[in-house]
Protein backbone atom coordinates (compact mmCIF):
# COMPACT_ATOMS: atom_id res chain seq x y z
CA UNK A 1 38.73 -29.73 -13.18
CA UNK A 2 38.99 -25.80 -12.45
CA UNK A 3 35.66 -25.27 -14.25
CA UNK A 4 33.94 -27.98 -12.15
CA UNK A 5 35.26 -26.54 -8.77
CA UNK A 6 34.18 -23.14 -9.81
CA UNK A 7 30.52 -24.34 -10.65
CA UNK A 8 30.30 -26.11 -7.32
CA UNK A 9 31.56 -23.19 -5.28
CA UNK A 10 29.11 -20.87 -7.26
CA UNK A 11 26.21 -23.19 -6.47
CA UNK A 12 27.11 -23.41 -2.74
CA UNK A 13 27.45 -19.67 -2.40
CA UNK A 14 23.85 -19.13 -4.14
CA UNK A 15 22.50 -21.66 -1.79
CA UNK A 16 23.99 -20.06 1.22
CA UNK A 17 22.88 -16.48 -0.06
CA UNK A 18 19.37 -17.91 -0.37
CA UNK A 19 19.32 -19.22 3.27
CA UNK A 20 20.42 -15.97 4.49
CA UNK A 21 17.75 -14.17 2.68
CA UNK A 22 15.07 -16.57 3.93
CA UNK A 23 16.13 -15.99 7.50
CA UNK A 24 16.07 -12.40 7.13
CA UNK A 25 12.23 -11.98 6.87
CA UNK A 26 10.83 -8.42 6.47
CA UNK A 27 7.64 -8.65 8.68
CA UNK A 28 5.65 -5.67 7.41
CA UNK A 29 1.73 -4.99 7.64
CA UNK A 30 -0.20 -2.15 5.99
CA UNK A 31 -1.42 0.74 8.24
CA UNK A 32 -4.89 -0.25 7.12
CA UNK A 33 -4.44 -3.99 8.13
CA UNK A 34 -7.72 -5.91 7.77
CA UNK A 35 -8.81 -8.58 10.14
CA UNK A 36 -11.82 -10.61 10.16
CA UNK A 37 -13.81 -11.24 13.44
CA UNK A 38 -16.10 -14.28 13.84
CA UNK A 39 -19.29 -14.31 15.97
CA UNK A 40 -17.52 -16.37 18.55
CA UNK A 41 -14.62 -13.97 18.85
CA UNK A 42 -12.06 -15.91 16.62
CA UNK A 43 -9.67 -13.57 14.61
CA UNK A 44 -8.18 -14.28 11.14
CA UNK A 45 -6.30 -12.16 8.51
CA UNK A 46 -8.16 -13.47 5.41
CA UNK A 47 -11.82 -12.85 4.45
CA UNK A 48 -13.71 -15.84 5.85
CA UNK A 49 -17.49 -16.35 5.50
CA UNK A 50 -19.60 -15.03 8.20
CA UNK A 51 -16.65 -13.06 9.68
CA UNK A 52 -16.84 -9.17 10.17
CA UNK A 53 -14.03 -7.15 8.51
CA UNK A 54 -12.48 -4.63 10.64
CA UNK A 55 -9.22 -2.51 10.30
CA UNK A 56 -6.72 -3.06 13.12
CA UNK A 57 -4.76 0.16 13.51
CA UNK A 58 -1.14 -0.46 12.56
CA UNK A 59 1.51 2.00 13.29
CA UNK A 60 4.76 1.32 11.45
CA UNK A 61 6.97 3.30 13.75
CA UNK A 62 10.11 1.25 12.77
CA UNK A 63 11.02 1.07 9.23
CA UNK A 64 13.96 -1.31 9.35
CA UNK A 65 13.97 -4.75 7.94
CA UNK A 66 14.68 -6.40 11.56
CA UNK A 67 11.15 -5.39 12.90
CA UNK A 68 8.00 -6.92 14.24
CA UNK A 69 4.70 -5.90 16.00
CA UNK A 70 3.57 -5.48 19.60
CA UNK A 71 -0.11 -5.57 20.33
CA UNK A 72 -1.65 -2.87 22.45
CA UNK A 73 -4.23 -4.25 24.82
CA UNK A 74 -6.90 -2.58 27.04
CA UNK A 75 -9.81 -3.47 29.13
CA UNK A 76 -11.91 -0.78 27.21
CA UNK A 77 -14.33 -2.75 25.00
CA UNK A 78 -15.57 0.40 23.28
CA UNK A 79 -13.50 1.35 20.33
CA UNK A 80 -11.62 -2.01 20.49
CA UNK A 81 -11.08 -4.06 17.38
CA UNK A 82 -11.57 -7.49 18.89
CA UNK A 83 -11.32 -9.39 22.00
CA UNK A 84 -8.62 -11.94 23.23
CA UNK A 85 -10.98 -13.01 26.12
CA UNK A 86 -11.01 -12.39 29.82
CA UNK A 87 -12.23 -8.73 29.13
CA UNK A 88 -8.88 -8.01 27.35
CA UNK A 89 -9.30 -6.14 24.01
CA UNK A 90 -6.93 -5.18 21.18
CA UNK A 91 -6.61 -1.52 20.37
CA UNK A 92 -4.04 -1.81 17.67
CA UNK A 93 -0.40 -2.60 17.03
CA UNK A 94 2.82 -0.94 16.57
CA UNK A 95 5.99 -2.01 14.49
CA UNK A 96 9.23 -1.78 16.66
CA UNK A 97 12.87 -2.88 16.10
CA UNK A 98 13.42 -6.41 17.46
CA UNK A 99 12.84 -10.10 16.48
CA UNK A 100 10.41 -12.91 16.71
CA UNK A 101 11.24 -15.73 19.04
CA UNK A 102 8.68 -18.30 18.22
CA UNK A 103 5.55 -16.46 17.48
CA UNK A 104 6.20 -13.80 20.13
CA UNK A 105 7.74 -10.48 19.12
CA UNK A 106 10.61 -9.17 21.44
CA UNK A 107 11.66 -5.64 20.86
CA UNK A 108 15.36 -4.93 20.84
CA UNK A 109 16.78 -5.02 24.44
CA UNK A 110 13.77 -7.21 25.75
CA UNK A 111 14.68 -10.64 24.17
CA UNK A 112 14.27 -12.51 27.37
CA UNK A 113 11.42 -10.48 29.20
CA UNK A 114 7.70 -10.27 29.26
CA UNK A 115 7.11 -6.68 27.86
CA UNK A 116 3.38 -6.50 29.51
CA UNK A 117 4.71 -5.00 32.65
CA UNK A 118 7.25 -2.68 30.97
CA UNK A 119 6.23 0.94 31.68
CA UNK A 120 7.90 2.08 28.37
CA UNK A 121 5.47 -0.08 26.32
CA UNK A 122 2.31 0.88 28.32
CA UNK A 123 3.16 4.48 27.88
CA UNK A 124 3.86 3.90 23.96
CA UNK A 125 0.51 2.15 23.69
CA UNK A 126 -1.43 4.71 25.64
CA UNK A 127 0.11 7.70 23.61
CA UNK A 128 -0.45 5.74 20.20
CA UNK A 129 -3.92 4.55 20.94
CA UNK A 130 -5.85 7.04 23.16
CA UNK A 131 -8.85 4.76 23.07
CA UNK A 132 -6.97 2.50 25.68
CA UNK A 133 -8.00 5.34 27.92
CA UNK A 134 -4.64 5.27 29.72
CA UNK A 135 -4.90 1.82 30.86
CA UNK A 136 -3.25 -0.02 27.94
CA UNK A 137 -0.30 -2.39 27.93
CA UNK A 138 1.53 -4.30 25.29
CA UNK A 139 2.26 -7.94 24.36
CA UNK A 140 4.30 -9.44 21.62
CA UNK A 141 2.01 -12.32 20.47
CA UNK A 142 1.73 -11.10 16.83
CA UNK A 143 3.44 -13.87 14.83
CA UNK A 144 0.34 -15.56 13.96
CA UNK A 145 -0.29 -12.66 11.39
CA UNK A 146 2.76 -14.11 9.57
CA UNK A 147 2.02 -17.87 10.04
CA UNK A 148 4.61 -18.22 12.81
């Protein structure tokens, strides 16, 4: 009987350990992250026929496992990587500490806030991507890269 209980306990511990690891995703992208832009403006992260390959500048500022990406936007079409519509363009992305809630990344301390108006992230985007011409801002809708 002791052997059977030990086996069951070990199995439960291994299962719980696996669940904990699965929830602890390490969202990480290379700094030369390739995206593919379609003629009609759609963007994917796999090589699709008829799509143009572009490098989305990616700055991995935060190295820990509890991180994700903010996207930096601008109205500057020149030197942008792709458009999200409405004269809004993606200039690049930055990895910070925080977590994804749904497909939206929330930097630590901003879990219940819209970061697009936060001056801290505007400054970070404008310093990191001068191509935004001082008029950049951030958003957290980057979970799509990870299938979220």
